[in-house]
């Protein structure tokens, strides 16, 4: 019985965490204007 109660409590906490993160929305940001390096520079 304790295991069932612990599992239910853990599920409730996980669900509350997911709902909280979802309610906060995605962070505001922008992409970097600098291009990413796609190749490794040659070693001297």
C-alpha atoms as a PDB file:
ATOM      1  CA  UNK A   1       0.000   0.000   0.000  1.00  0.00           C
ATOM      2  CA  UNK A   2       2.890   2.382   0.764  1.00  0.00           C
ATOM      3  CA  UNK A   3       4.322   1.804  -2.695  1.00  0.00           C
ATOM      4  CA  UNK A   4       1.026   2.717  -4.321  1.00  0.00           C
ATOM      5  CA  UNK A   5       0.798   5.925  -2.285  1.00  0.00           C
ATOM      6  CA  UNK A   6       4.405   6.816  -3.111  1.00  0.00           C
ATOM      7  CA  UNK A   7       3.838   6.158  -6.810  1.00  0.00           C
ATOM      8  CA  UNK A   8       0.713   8.309  -6.808  1.00  0.00           C
ATOM      9  CA  UNK A   9       2.496  11.134  -5.003  1.00  0.00           C
ATOM     10  CA  UNK A  10       5.426  10.964  -7.439  1.00  0.00           C
ATOM     11  CA  UNK A  11       3.092  11.018 -10.419  1.00  0.00           C
ATOM     12  CA  UNK A  12       1.253  14.021  -8.992  1.00  0.00           C
ATOM     13  CA  UNK A  13       4.517  15.910  -8.481  1.00  0.00           C
ATOM     14  CA  UNK A  14       5.711  15.062 -12.004  1.00  0.00           C
ATOM     15  CA  UNK A  15       2.404  16.161 -13.512  1.00  0.00           C
ATOM     16  CA  UNK A  16       2.480  19.426 -11.545  1.00  0.00           C
ATOM     17  CA  UNK A  17       6.032  20.076 -12.771  1.00  0.00           C
ATOM     18  CA  UNK A  18       5.068  19.465 -16.402  1.00  0.00           C
ATOM     19  CA  UNK A  19       2.033  21.732 -16.118  1.00  0.00           C
ATOM     20  CA  UNK A  20       4.104  24.474 -14.478  1.00  0.00           C
ATOM     21  CA  UNK A  21       6.743  24.375 -17.216  1.00  0.00           C
ATOM     22  CA  UNK A  22       4.053  24.326 -19.899  1.00  0.00           C
ATOM     23  CA  UNK A  23       2.283  27.309 -18.354  1.00  0.00           C
ATOM     24  CA  UNK A  24       5.509  29.330 -18.340  1.00  0.00           C
ATOM     25  CA  UNK A  25       5.776  29.009 -22.117  1.00  0.00           C
ATOM     26  CA  UNK A  26       8.829  29.025 -24.298  1.00  0.00           C
ATOM     27  CA  UNK A  27      11.616  31.466 -23.459  1.00  0.00           C
ATOM     28  CA  UNK A  28      11.921  34.588 -25.585  1.00  0.00           C
ATOM     29  CA  UNK A  29      15.072  34.588 -27.618  1.00  0.00           C
ATOM     30  CA  UNK A  30      16.585  34.966 -31.020  1.00  0.00           C
ATOM     31  CA  UNK A  31      19.020  33.138 -33.192  1.00  0.00           C
ATOM     32  CA  UNK A  32      22.654  34.105 -33.302  1.00  0.00           C
ATOM     33  CA  UNK A  33      23.737  36.144 -36.335  1.00  0.00           C
ATOM     34  CA  UNK A  34      27.126  34.402 -36.319  1.00  0.00           C
ATOM     35  CA  UNK A  35      27.334  31.258 -38.456  1.00  0.00           C
ATOM     36  CA  UNK A  36      28.347  28.023 -36.800  1.00  0.00           C
ATOM     37  CA  UNK A  37      31.560  26.314 -37.787  1.00  0.00           C
ATOM     38  CA  UNK A  38      30.713  23.148 -39.648  1.00  0.00           C
ATOM     39  CA  UNK A  39      34.237  21.902 -40.335  1.00  0.00           C
ATOM     40  CA  UNK A  40      37.249  21.330 -38.133  1.00  0.00           C
ATOM     41  CA  UNK A  41      40.109  23.714 -38.932  1.00  0.00           C
ATOM     42  CA  UNK A  42      43.265  22.062 -40.321  1.00  0.00           C
ATOM     43  CA  UNK A  43      46.102  21.676 -37.858  1.00  0.00           C
ATOM     44  CA  UNK A  44      49.398  23.319 -38.835  1.00  0.00           C
END
